Protein backbone atom coordinates (compact mmCIF):
# COMPACT_ATOMS: atom_id res chain seq x y z
CA MET A 1 4.96 -7.28 -8.05
CA SER A 2 1.37 -6.55 -7.02
CA PHE A 3 0.04 -3.31 -5.56
CA SER A 4 -0.14 -4.81 -2.07
CA GLU A 5 3.50 -5.94 -2.31
CA GLU A 6 4.59 -2.50 -3.56
CA LEU A 7 2.77 -0.82 -0.69
CA LYS A 8 4.32 -3.13 1.90
CA ARG A 9 7.75 -2.51 0.37
CA LEU A 10 7.17 1.25 0.53
CA ARG A 11 6.23 1.01 4.21
CA GLN A 12 9.21 -1.17 5.03
CA ARG A 13 11.60 1.15 3.16
CA THR A 14 10.61 3.89 5.56
CA PHE A 15 10.98 1.57 8.57
CA LEU A 16 7.38 2.04 9.69
CA SER A 17 4.99 -0.42 11.27
CA GLN A 18 1.54 -0.73 9.74
CA GLU A 19 0.21 1.32 12.64
CA ALA A 20 2.76 4.12 12.19
CA PHE A 21 2.24 4.11 8.42
CA ALA A 22 -1.52 4.37 8.96
CA LYS A 23 -1.03 7.40 11.21
CA GLU A 24 1.14 9.07 8.55
CA LEU A 25 -1.62 8.54 5.97
CA LYS A 26 -4.42 9.41 8.41
CA VAL A 27 -6.16 6.06 7.97
CA SER A 28 -6.73 3.19 10.38
CA PHE A 29 -4.32 0.34 10.99
CA SER A 30 -6.92 -2.12 9.67
CA THR A 31 -7.12 -0.15 6.42
CA VAL A 32 -3.38 -0.51 5.82
CA ASN A 33 -3.63 -4.17 6.75
CA ARG A 34 -6.41 -4.73 4.17
CA TRP A 35 -4.37 -2.91 1.50
CA GLU A 36 -1.27 -4.99 2.18
CA SER A 37 -3.24 -8.24 2.20
CA GLY A 38 -4.81 -7.36 -1.16
CA ARG A 39 -8.39 -7.38 0.13
CA THR A 40 -9.05 -3.74 -0.76
CA LYS A 41 -7.30 -0.90 -2.50
CA PRO A 42 -6.99 2.76 -1.51
CA ASN A 43 -9.53 5.27 -2.77
CA LEU A 44 -8.45 8.47 -4.53
CA ALA A 45 -8.12 10.46 -1.30
CA ALA A 46 -5.87 7.77 0.17
CA MET A 47 -3.81 7.69 -3.03
CA LYS A 48 -3.29 11.45 -2.69
CA SER A 49 -2.05 10.87 0.86
CA LEU A 50 0.25 8.12 -0.42
CA LYS A 51 1.60 10.46 -3.09
CA ASP A 52 2.24 13.20 -0.51
CA PHE A 53 3.95 10.63 1.72
CA CYS A 54 6.20 9.54 -1.15
CA LEU A 55 7.07 13.13 -2.06
CA SER A 56 7.94 13.99 1.52
CA HIS A 57 10.21 10.92 1.77
CA ASN A 58 11.76 11.38 -1.70
CA ILE A 59 10.34 8.07 -2.98
CA ALA A 60 9.12 7.54 -6.54
CA PHE A 61 5.33 7.27 -6.66
CA GLU A 62 4.86 6.28 -10.30
CA GLN A 63 5.27 2.53 -9.87
CA ILE A 64 2.84 2.45 -6.95
CA GLU A 65 0.34 4.47 -8.95
CA GLU A 66 0.72 2.17 -11.95
CA LYS A 67 0.11 -0.93 -9.81
CA TRP A 68 -2.94 0.76 -8.26
CA LEU A 69 -4.37 1.53 -11.69
CA ASP A 70 -3.79 -2.06 -12.85
CA TRP A 71 -5.10 -3.60 -9.59
CA ASP A 72 -7.81 -6.21 -9.95
CA ILE A 73 -9.70 -7.51 -6.92
CA ASN A 74 -9.68 -11.01 -8.41
CA ASN A 75 -5.88 -11.26 -8.27
């Protein structure tokens, strides 16, 4: 499973729309959309927000982090 698929799965597990998820992470809707489509990946600040989101929702972050580290824009 790719990073974008993991991120979408995370969002769906918490029953959030892309817009609501973006508000939680304090980013724009279009940013979440680009992440989920695989066009871009989050920067370090966004990854910290994702980690905080996971911790607050009792969701494991390690797999998402691993996919982010292995992410290649050419995939």
